[in-house]
C-alpha atoms as a PDB file:
ATOM      1  CA  UNK A   1       0.000   0.000   0.000  1.00  0.00           C
ATOM      2  CA  UNK A   2       1.234   3.489  -0.878  1.00  0.00           C
ATOM      3  CA  UNK A   3       0.035   5.217   2.293  1.00  0.00           C
ATOM      4  CA  UNK A   4       1.478   8.543   1.147  1.00  0.00           C
ATOM      5  CA  UNK A   5      -1.477   8.576  -1.219  1.00  0.00           C
ATOM      6  CA  UNK A   6      -3.815   9.316   1.695  1.00  0.00           C
ATOM      7  CA  UNK A   7      -2.676  12.933   1.845  1.00  0.00           C
ATOM      8  CA  UNK A   8      -2.784  13.111  -1.959  1.00  0.00           C
ATOM      9  CA  UNK A   9      -6.338  11.818  -1.838  1.00  0.00           C
ATOM     10  CA  UNK A  10      -7.220  14.440   0.777  1.00  0.00           C
ATOM     11  CA  UNK A  11      -6.097  17.183  -1.604  1.00  0.00           C
ATOM     12  CA  UNK A  12      -7.891  15.669  -4.592  1.00  0.00           C
ATOM     13  CA  UNK A  13     -11.093  15.108  -2.638  1.00  0.00           C
ATOM     14  CA  UNK A  14     -11.107  18.662  -1.324  1.00  0.00           C
ATOM     15  CA  UNK A  15     -10.749  20.162  -4.801  1.00  0.00           C
ATOM     16  CA  UNK A  16     -13.344  17.835  -6.310  1.00  0.00           C
ATOM     17  CA  UNK A  17     -15.891  19.533  -4.062  1.00  0.00           C
ATOM     18  CA  UNK A  18     -15.161  22.897  -5.673  1.00  0.00           C
ATOM     19  CA  UNK A  19     -17.019  23.845  -8.865  1.00  0.00           C
ATOM     20  CA  UNK A  20     -14.467  24.879 -11.480  1.00  0.00           C
ATOM     21  CA  UNK A  21     -11.450  22.829 -10.392  1.00  0.00           C
ATOM     22  CA  UNK A  22     -10.742  19.183 -11.146  1.00  0.00           C
ATOM     23  CA  UNK A  23      -9.164  16.521  -8.981  1.00  0.00           C
ATOM     24  CA  UNK A  24      -7.327  15.494 -12.139  1.00  0.00           C
ATOM     25  CA  UNK A  25      -5.584  18.877 -12.107  1.00  0.00           C
ATOM     26  CA  UNK A  26      -4.305  18.198  -8.584  1.00  0.00           C
ATOM     27  CA  UNK A  27      -3.215  14.700  -9.629  1.00  0.00           C
ATOM     28  CA  UNK A  28      -0.953  16.308 -12.237  1.00  0.00           C
ATOM     29  CA  UNK A  29       0.421  18.711  -9.636  1.00  0.00           C
ATOM     30  CA  UNK A  30       1.149  15.764  -7.347  1.00  0.00           C
ATOM     31  CA  UNK A  31       2.941  13.931 -10.159  1.00  0.00           C
ATOM     32  CA  UNK A  32       0.606  10.922 -10.101  1.00  0.00           C
ATOM     33  CA  UNK A  33      -1.730  11.575 -13.044  1.00  0.00           C
ATOM     34  CA  UNK A  34      -0.275   8.970 -15.406  1.00  0.00           C
ATOM     35  CA  UNK A  35      -0.127   6.431 -12.595  1.00  0.00           C
ATOM     36  CA  UNK A  36      -3.706   7.208 -11.555  1.00  0.00           C
ATOM     37  CA  UNK A  37      -5.020   6.647 -15.076  1.00  0.00           C
ATOM     38  CA  UNK A  38      -3.035   3.411 -15.416  1.00  0.00           C
ATOM     39  CA  UNK A  39      -4.258   2.162 -12.027  1.00  0.00           C
ATOM     40  CA  UNK A  40      -7.959   2.850 -12.628  1.00  0.00           C
ATOM     41  CA  UNK A  41      -7.951   1.518 -16.199  1.00  0.00           C
ATOM     42  CA  UNK A  42      -5.956  -1.563 -15.138  1.00  0.00           C
ATOM     43  CA  UNK A  43      -7.993  -2.472 -12.076  1.00  0.00           C
ATOM     44  CA  UNK A  44      -9.331  -5.613 -13.796  1.00  0.00           C
ATOM     45  CA  UNK A  45      -5.978  -6.625 -15.285  1.00  0.00           C
ATOM     46  CA  UNK A  46      -3.487  -9.233 -14.058  1.00  0.00           C
ATOM     47  CA  UNK A  47      -1.682  -6.520 -12.094  1.00  0.00           C
ATOM     48  CA  UNK A  48      -4.804  -5.608 -10.142  1.00  0.00           C
ATOM     49  CA  UNK A  49      -3.115  -6.071  -6.733  1.00  0.00           C
ATOM     50  CA  UNK A  50      -0.529  -3.406  -7.533  1.00  0.00           C
ATOM     51  CA  UNK A  51      -3.213  -1.033  -8.784  1.00  0.00           C
ATOM     52  CA  UNK A  52      -5.425  -1.672  -5.747  1.00  0.00           C
ATOM     53  CA  UNK A  53      -2.468  -0.920  -3.467  1.00  0.00           C
ATOM     54  CA  UNK A  54      -2.165   2.460  -5.171  1.00  0.00           C
ATOM     55  CA  UNK A  55      -5.877   3.277  -5.293  1.00  0.00           C
ATOM     56  CA  UNK A  56      -7.116   2.247  -1.827  1.00  0.00           C
ATOM     57  CA  UNK A  57      -5.160   4.860   0.192  1.00  0.00           C
ATOM     58  CA  UNK A  58      -5.859   7.477  -2.495  1.00  0.00           C
ATOM     59  CA  UNK A  59      -9.579   6.708  -2.404  1.00  0.00           C
ATOM     60  CA  UNK A  60      -9.544   6.649   1.398  1.00  0.00           C
ATOM     61  CA  UNK A  61      -8.050  10.147   1.461  1.00  0.00           C
ATOM     62  CA  UNK A  62     -10.642  11.394  -1.041  1.00  0.00           C
ATOM     63  CA  UNK A  63     -13.551   9.945   0.951  1.00  0.00           C
ATOM     64  CA  UNK A  64     -12.227  11.441   4.204  1.00  0.00           C
ATOM     65  CA  UNK A  65     -11.816  14.850   2.565  1.00  0.00           C
ATOM     66  CA  UNK A  66     -15.279  14.773   0.997  1.00  0.00           C
ATOM     67  CA  UNK A  67     -17.029  13.883   4.267  1.00  0.00           C
ATOM     68  CA  UNK A  68     -14.947  16.187   6.479  1.00  0.00           C
ATOM     69  CA  UNK A  69     -14.754  19.192   4.165  1.00  0.00           C
ATOM     70  CA  UNK A  70     -18.128  19.234   2.396  1.00  0.00           C
ATOM     71  CA  UNK A  71     -19.688  21.460   5.068  1.00  0.00           C
ATOM     72  CA  UNK A  72     -16.597  23.704   5.239  1.00  0.00           C
ATOM     73  CA  UNK A  73     -16.482  24.212   1.451  1.00  0.00           C
ATOM     74  CA  UNK A  74     -20.218  24.891   1.455  1.00  0.00           C
ATOM     75  CA  UNK A  75     -19.755  27.483   4.260  1.00  0.00           C
ATOM     76  CA  UNK A  76     -16.813  29.195   2.543  1.00  0.00           C
ATOM     77  CA  UNK A  77     -18.701  29.558  -0.736  1.00  0.00           C
ATOM     78  CA  UNK A  78     -21.726  30.898   1.118  1.00  0.00           C
ATOM     79  CA  UNK A  79     -19.867  33.506   3.212  1.00  0.00           C
ATOM     80  CA  UNK A  80     -16.604  34.199   1.318  1.00  0.00           C
ATOM     81  CA  UNK A  81     -17.169  33.115  -2.290  1.00  0.00           C
ATOM     82  CA  UNK A  82     -14.729  35.611  -3.866  1.00  0.00           C
ATOM     83  CA  UNK A  83     -11.622  34.942  -1.747  1.00  0.00           C
ATOM     84  CA  UNK A  84     -12.302  31.199  -1.864  1.00  0.00           C
ATOM     85  CA  UNK A  85     -12.448  31.206  -5.655  1.00  0.00           C
ATOM     86  CA  UNK A  86      -9.308  33.350  -5.847  1.00  0.00           C
ATOM     87  CA  UNK A  87      -7.468  30.755  -3.726  1.00  0.00           C
ATOM     88  CA  UNK A  88      -8.398  27.999  -6.151  1.00  0.00           C
ATOM     89  CA  UNK A  89      -7.601  30.271  -9.104  1.00  0.00           C
ATOM     90  CA  UNK A  90      -4.073  30.611  -7.729  1.00  0.00           C
ATOM     91  CA  UNK A  91      -3.920  26.858  -7.270  1.00  0.00           C
ATOM     92  CA  UNK A  92      -4.925  26.255 -10.905  1.00  0.00           C
ATOM     93  CA  UNK A  93      -2.425  28.738 -12.338  1.00  0.00           C
ATOM     94  CA  UNK A  94       0.284  27.290 -10.111  1.00  0.00           C
ATOM     95  CA  UNK A  95      -0.241  23.888 -11.733  1.00  0.00           C
ATOM     96  CA  UNK A  96       0.587  25.142 -15.246  1.00  0.00           C
ATOM     97  CA  UNK A  97       4.422  25.048 -14.977  1.00  0.00           C
ATOM     98  CA  UNK A  98       4.257  21.392 -13.976  1.00  0.00           C
ATOM     99  CA  UNK A  99       1.881  20.587 -16.827  1.00  0.00           C
ATOM    100  CA  UNK A 100       4.308  22.116 -19.345  1.00  0.00           C
ATOM    101  CA  UNK A 101       7.127  20.194 -17.649  1.00  0.00           C
ATOM    102  CA  UNK A 102       5.173  16.929 -17.790  1.00  0.00           C
ATOM    103  CA  UNK A 103       4.389  17.448 -21.468  1.00  0.00           C
ATOM    104  CA  UNK A 104       8.039  18.352 -22.261  1.00  0.00           C
ATOM    105  CA  UNK A 105       6.538  21.284 -24.142  1.00  0.00           C
ATOM    106  CA  UNK A 106       9.846  23.015 -24.934  1.00  0.00           C
ATOM    107  CA  UNK A 107      11.156  19.951 -26.730  1.00  0.00           C
ATOM    108  CA  UNK A 108       8.019  18.437 -28.239  1.00  0.00           C
ATOM    109  CA  UNK A 109       5.364  21.093 -28.847  1.00  0.00           C
ATOM    110  CA  UNK A 110       4.797  22.054 -32.463  1.00  0.00           C
ATOM    111  CA  UNK A 111       2.329  24.475 -34.028  1.00  0.00           C
ATOM    112  CA  UNK A 112      -0.471  21.887 -34.044  1.00  0.00           C
ATOM    113  CA  UNK A 113      -0.045  21.329 -30.310  1.00  0.00           C
ATOM    114  CA  UNK A 114      -0.511  25.024 -29.577  1.00  0.00           C
ATOM    115  CA  UNK A 115      -3.647  24.975 -31.751  1.00  0.00           C
ATOM    116  CA  UNK A 116      -4.950  22.014 -29.729  1.00  0.00           C
ATOM    117  CA  UNK A 117      -4.081  23.871 -26.519  1.00  0.00           C
ATOM    118  CA  UNK A 118      -6.044  26.902 -27.729  1.00  0.00           C
ATOM    119  CA  UNK A 119      -9.079  24.793 -28.634  1.00  0.00           C
ATOM    120  CA  UNK A 120      -9.052  23.152 -25.205  1.00  0.00           C
ATOM    121  CA  UNK A 121      -8.874  26.540 -23.483  1.00  0.00           C
ATOM    122  CA  UNK A 122     -11.741  27.956 -25.552  1.00  0.00           C
ATOM    123  CA  UNK A 123     -13.994  24.946 -24.920  1.00  0.00           C
ATOM    124  CA  UNK A 124     -13.656  25.174 -21.123  1.00  0.00           C
ATOM    125  CA  UNK A 125     -13.694  28.989 -21.040  1.00  0.00           C
ATOM    126  CA  UNK A 126     -17.066  28.863 -22.792  1.00  0.00           C
ATOM    127  CA  UNK A 127     -18.425  27.117 -19.690  1.00  0.00           C
ATOM    128  CA  UNK A 128     -18.014  30.445 -17.881  1.00  0.00           C
ATOM    129  CA  UNK A 129     -20.813  31.818 -20.051  1.00  0.00           C
ATOM    130  CA  UNK A 130     -23.207  29.061 -19.033  1.00  0.00           C
ATOM    131  CA  UNK A 131     -25.548  29.656 -16.140  1.00  0.00           C
ATOM    132  CA  UNK A 132     -25.109  26.694 -13.799  1.00  0.00           C
ATOM    133  CA  UNK A 133     -27.943  25.930 -11.450  1.00  0.00           C
ATOM    134  CA  UNK A 134     -27.235  24.375  -8.061  1.00  0.00           C
ATOM    135  CA  UNK A 135     -30.794  23.174  -8.004  1.00  0.00           C
ATOM    136  CA  UNK A 136     -32.881  22.852  -4.873  1.00  0.00           C
ATOM    137  CA  UNK A 137     -32.236  19.888  -2.610  1.00  0.00           C
ATOM    138  CA  UNK A 138     -34.432  17.040  -3.834  1.00  0.00           C
ATOM    139  CA  UNK A 139     -36.668  16.046  -0.924  1.00  0.00           C
ATOM    140  CA  UNK A 140     -38.950  13.509  -2.587  1.00  0.00           C
ATOM    141  CA  UNK A 141     -36.532  10.848  -3.826  1.00  0.00           C
ATOM    142  CA  UNK A 142     -38.030   8.464  -6.394  1.00  0.00           C
ATOM    143  CA  UNK A 143     -36.675   5.834  -8.782  1.00  0.00           C
ATOM    144  CA  UNK A 144     -36.207   8.482 -11.460  1.00  0.00           C
ATOM    145  CA  UNK A 145     -34.215  10.556  -8.936  1.00  0.00           C
ATOM    146  CA  UNK A 146     -31.867   7.628  -8.315  1.00  0.00           C
ATOM    147  CA  UNK A 147     -31.395   7.173 -12.082  1.00  0.00           C
ATOM    148  CA  UNK A 148     -30.626  10.905 -12.437  1.00  0.00           C
ATOM    149  CA  UNK A 149     -28.128  10.762  -9.555  1.00  0.00           C
ATOM    150  CA  UNK A 150     -26.427   7.662 -10.964  1.00  0.00           C
ATOM    151  CA  UNK A 151     -25.867   9.241 -14.376  1.00  0.00           C
ATOM    152  CA  UNK A 152     -24.922  12.545 -12.746  1.00  0.00           C
ATOM    153  CA  UNK A 153     -22.217  10.685 -10.810  1.00  0.00           C
ATOM    154  CA  UNK A 154     -21.079   9.003 -14.030  1.00  0.00           C
ATOM    155  CA  UNK A 155     -20.835  12.310 -15.908  1.00  0.00           C
ATOM    156  CA  UNK A 156     -19.282  14.105 -12.953  1.00  0.00           C
ATOM    157  CA  UNK A 157     -16.523  11.528 -12.414  1.00  0.00           C
ATOM    158  CA  UNK A 158     -15.819  11.350 -16.143  1.00  0.00           C
ATOM    159  CA  UNK A 159     -15.146  15.082 -15.980  1.00  0.00           C
ATOM    160  CA  UNK A 160     -13.263  14.836 -12.664  1.00  0.00           C
ATOM    161  CA  UNK A 161     -10.565  12.613 -14.105  1.00  0.00           C
ATOM    162  CA  UNK A 162      -9.754  15.083 -16.889  1.00  0.00           C
ATOM    163  CA  UNK A 163      -7.592  17.995 -15.692  1.00  0.00           C
ATOM    164  CA  UNK A 164      -9.302  21.316 -16.227  1.00  0.00           C
ATOM    165  CA  UNK A 165     -12.855  19.987 -16.312  1.00  0.00           C
ATOM    166  CA  UNK A 166     -14.655  20.183 -12.982  1.00  0.00           C
ATOM    167  CA  UNK A 167     -16.890  17.321 -11.973  1.00  0.00           C
ATOM    168  CA  UNK A 168     -18.627  19.596  -9.460  1.00  0.00           C
ATOM    169  CA  UNK A 169     -19.290  22.139 -12.206  1.00  0.00           C
ATOM    170  CA  UNK A 170     -20.923  19.415 -14.297  1.00  0.00           C
ATOM    171  CA  UNK A 171     -23.133  18.563 -11.318  1.00  0.00           C
ATOM    172  CA  UNK A 172     -24.074  22.255 -11.121  1.00  0.00           C
ATOM    173  CA  UNK A 173     -25.028  22.234 -14.799  1.00  0.00           C
ATOM    174  CA  UNK A 174     -27.206  19.156 -14.255  1.00  0.00           C
ATOM    175  CA  UNK A 175     -28.750  20.789 -11.175  1.00  0.00           C
ATOM    176  CA  UNK A 176     -27.988  18.105  -8.572  1.00  0.00           C
ATOM    177  CA  UNK A 177     -24.971  19.677  -6.826  1.00  0.00           C
ATOM    178  CA  UNK A 178     -26.951  20.885  -3.793  1.00  0.00           C
ATOM    179  CA  UNK A 179     -28.684  17.520  -3.418  1.00  0.00           C
ATOM    180  CA  UNK A 180     -25.392  15.600  -3.420  1.00  0.00           C
ATOM    181  CA  UNK A 181     -23.584  18.022  -1.083  1.00  0.00           C
ATOM    182  CA  UNK A 182     -26.565  17.927   1.288  1.00  0.00           C
ATOM    183  CA  UNK A 183     -26.554  14.116   1.178  1.00  0.00           C
ATOM    184  CA  UNK A 184     -22.851  14.028   2.088  1.00  0.00           C
ATOM    185  CA  UNK A 185     -23.271  16.577   4.887  1.00  0.00           C
ATOM    186  CA  UNK A 186     -26.304  14.780   6.352  1.00  0.00           C
ATOM    187  CA  UNK A 187     -25.192  11.188   5.599  1.00  0.00           C
ATOM    188  CA  UNK A 188     -28.089  10.202   3.343  1.00  0.00           C
ATOM    189  CA  UNK A 189     -26.532   6.884   2.407  1.00  0.00           C
ATOM    190  CA  UNK A 190     -29.028   5.916  -0.299  1.00  0.00           C
ATOM    191  CA  UNK A 191     -28.127   9.001  -2.348  1.00  0.00           C
ATOM    192  CA  UNK A 192     -24.413   8.619  -1.542  1.00  0.00           C
ATOM    193  CA  UNK A 193     -24.332   4.950  -2.635  1.00  0.00           C
ATOM    194  CA  UNK A 194     -26.247   5.470  -5.902  1.00  0.00           C
ATOM    195  CA  UNK A 195     -24.173   8.511  -6.859  1.00  0.00           C
ATOM    196  CA  UNK A 196     -21.010   6.705  -5.748  1.00  0.00           C
ATOM    197  CA  UNK A 197     -21.730   3.778  -8.090  1.00  0.00           C
ATOM    198  CA  UNK A 198     -22.099   6.188 -10.991  1.00  0.00           C
ATOM    199  CA  UNK A 199     -18.844   7.876 -10.003  1.00  0.00           C
ATOM    200  CA  UNK A 200     -16.957   4.555  -9.792  1.00  0.00           C
ATOM    201  CA  UNK A 201     -18.146   3.357 -13.201  1.00  0.00           C
ATOM    202  CA  UNK A 202     -17.452   6.774 -14.738  1.00  0.00           C
ATOM    203  CA  UNK A 203     -13.893   6.691 -13.395  1.00  0.00           C
ATOM    204  CA  UNK A 204     -13.229   3.274 -14.934  1.00  0.00           C
ATOM    205  CA  UNK A 205     -14.725   4.085 -18.348  1.00  0.00           C
ATOM    206  CA  UNK A 206     -13.096   7.512 -18.717  1.00  0.00           C
ATOM    207  CA  UNK A 207      -9.720   6.306 -17.423  1.00  0.00           C
ATOM    208  CA  UNK A 208      -9.594   3.774 -20.249  1.00  0.00           C
ATOM    209  CA  UNK A 209     -10.371   6.508 -22.784  1.00  0.00           C
ATOM    210  CA  UNK A 210      -7.688   8.818 -21.354  1.00  0.00           C
ATOM    211  CA  UNK A 211      -5.193   5.933 -21.106  1.00  0.00           C
ATOM    212  CA  UNK A 212      -5.687   5.204 -24.813  1.00  0.00           C
ATOM    213  CA  UNK A 213      -4.923   8.795 -25.799  1.00  0.00           C
ATOM    214  CA  UNK A 214      -1.946   9.050 -23.421  1.00  0.00           C
ATOM    215  CA  UNK A 215      -0.496   5.836 -24.843  1.00  0.00           C
ATOM    216  CA  UNK A 216      -0.992   6.773 -28.491  1.00  0.00           C
ATOM    217  CA  UNK A 217      -0.991  10.601 -28.560  1.00  0.00           C
ATOM    218  CA  UNK A 218       0.878  11.643 -25.399  1.00  0.00           C
ATOM    219  CA  UNK A 219       2.047  15.111 -26.444  1.00  0.00           C
ATOM    220  CA  UNK A 220      -1.230  16.028 -28.141  1.00  0.00           C
ATOM    221  CA  UNK A 221      -3.230  14.815 -25.133  1.00  0.00           C
ATOM    222  CA  UNK A 222      -1.206  16.958 -22.756  1.00  0.00           C
ATOM    223  CA  UNK A 223      -1.543  19.946 -25.093  1.00  0.00           C
ATOM    224  CA  UNK A 224      -5.324  19.632 -24.807  1.00  0.00           C
ATOM    225  CA  UNK A 225      -5.091  19.101 -21.030  1.00  0.00           C
ATOM    226  CA  UNK A 226      -3.030  22.287 -20.617  1.00  0.00           C
ATOM    227  CA  UNK A 227      -5.616  24.165 -22.653  1.00  0.00           C
ATOM    228  CA  UNK A 228      -8.417  22.776 -20.486  1.00  0.00           C
ATOM    229  CA  UNK A 229      -6.643  23.923 -17.326  1.00  0.00           C
ATOM    230  CA  UNK A 230      -6.020  27.414 -18.757  1.00  0.00           C
ATOM    231  CA  UNK A 231      -9.669  27.614 -19.756  1.00  0.00           C
ATOM    232  CA  UNK A 232     -10.797  26.479 -16.311  1.00  0.00           C
ATOM    233  CA  UNK A 233      -9.002  29.448 -14.755  1.00  0.00           C
ATOM    234  CA  UNK A 234     -11.344  31.718 -16.719  1.00  0.00           C
ATOM    235  CA  UNK A 235     -14.347  29.686 -15.580  1.00  0.00           C
ATOM    236  CA  UNK A 236     -13.255  29.933 -11.925  1.00  0.00           C
ATOM    237  CA  UNK A 237     -12.457  33.675 -11.998  1.00  0.00           C
ATOM    238  CA  UNK A 238     -15.275  35.307  -9.970  1.00  0.00           C
ATOM    239  CA  UNK A 239     -14.733  38.892 -11.117  1.00  0.00           C
ATOM    240  CA  UNK A 240     -12.997  41.684  -9.225  1.00  0.00           C
ATOM    241  CA  UNK A 241     -14.281  42.458  -5.711  1.00  0.00           C
ATOM    242  CA  UNK A 242     -16.091  45.759  -5.316  1.00  0.00           C
ATOM    243  CA  UNK A 243     -14.492  46.822  -2.019  1.00  0.00           C
ATOM    244  CA  UNK A 244     -10.796  47.435  -1.361  1.00  0.00           C
ATOM    245  CA  UNK A 245     -10.659  45.235   1.794  1.00  0.00           C
ATOM    246  CA  UNK A 246     -12.197  42.304  -0.075  1.00  0.00           C
ATOM    247  CA  UNK A 247      -9.809  42.899  -2.978  1.00  0.00           C
ATOM    248  CA  UNK A 248      -6.839  42.709  -0.599  1.00  0.00           C
ATOM    249  CA  UNK A 249      -8.176  39.502   0.961  1.00  0.00           C
ATOM    250  CA  UNK A 250      -8.750  38.000  -2.500  1.00  0.00           C
ATOM    251  CA  UNK A 251      -5.201  38.901  -3.608  1.00  0.00           C
ATOM    252  CA  UNK A 252      -3.865  37.286  -0.421  1.00  0.00           C
ATOM    253  CA  UNK A 253      -5.834  34.070  -0.976  1.00  0.00           C
ATOM    254  CA  UNK A 254      -4.768  34.019  -4.647  1.00  0.00           C
ATOM    255  CA  UNK A 255      -1.101  34.246  -3.608  1.00  0.00           C
ATOM    256  CA  UNK A 256      -1.709  31.538  -0.978  1.00  0.00           C
ATOM    257  CA  UNK A 257      -3.149  29.223  -3.641  1.00  0.00           C
ATOM    258  CA  UNK A 258      -0.277  29.966  -6.009  1.00  0.00           C
ATOM    259  CA  UNK A 259       2.338  29.279  -3.322  1.00  0.00           C
ATOM    260  CA  UNK A 260       0.548  26.096  -2.258  1.00  0.00           C
ATOM    261  CA  UNK A 261       0.686  24.777  -5.829  1.00  0.00           C
ATOM    262  CA  UNK A 262       4.353  25.716  -6.299  1.00  0.00           C
ATOM    263  CA  UNK A 263       5.320  24.164  -2.953  1.00  0.00           C
ATOM    264  CA  UNK A 264       3.453  20.925  -3.633  1.00  0.00           C
ATOM    265  CA  UNK A 265       4.903  20.709  -7.128  1.00  0.00           C
ATOM    266  CA  UNK A 266       8.462  21.119  -5.869  1.00  0.00           C
ATOM    267  CA  UNK A 267       7.932  18.433  -3.234  1.00  0.00           C
ATOM    268  CA  UNK A 268       6.359  15.909  -5.601  1.00  0.00           C
ATOM    269  CA  UNK A 269       8.593  16.530  -8.634  1.00  0.00           C
ATOM    270  CA  UNK A 270      11.909  16.178  -6.803  1.00  0.00           C
END
């Protein structure tokens, strides 16, 4: 078991709760993205024991973070949405140097890769113009609700595993984000289990798709990923605060996020 993955899972789980930032982005920052994709896509292979040893502590950390931090994230976005988003904006931008390093951009990027990067950025930036709806908490849970939650989990996790695309943001677009966060905060296990099954299956399916592209089109795939992350920074940007004190706080949290990303990257990429 790679028990160091517990703290990595804590970081990934915390960011997966935040609309606009992907756990996949943090996996790149932590230097485990390729390994994560290989482990999830190979969970039913002959080397399943090795992959399980990697995934169990990572998943444990993510589950702990989601249950412990769901209420905190909800509170921060309710009372201090601007500074909170600026922190995660700094975190996203701080990931970019490590993405370029991972892609060996200086040596391998050609004109077509920069075009692919631009397309990726535009696609995700366009999400900023959508009007996501948290949706009201679903009180009357029926069979159709469970089906909606299952497929929401599937779509959300498929997005989560791709750096730059936020699974939480997808849940906002579908309108079930509030229901799922409320279920986690209040331990509604029926909703948690159904959504969790969708998330697990989505992870497996999308990891195989990403693994195929990484194996056959590594540089091009990372060019798109970098574009997605750049675009996500535009989607996360909340606009400039109206008051000077809030502006100063937002700048401070942005710098904190940037420094956190740089520090983590230096530790993990040694």
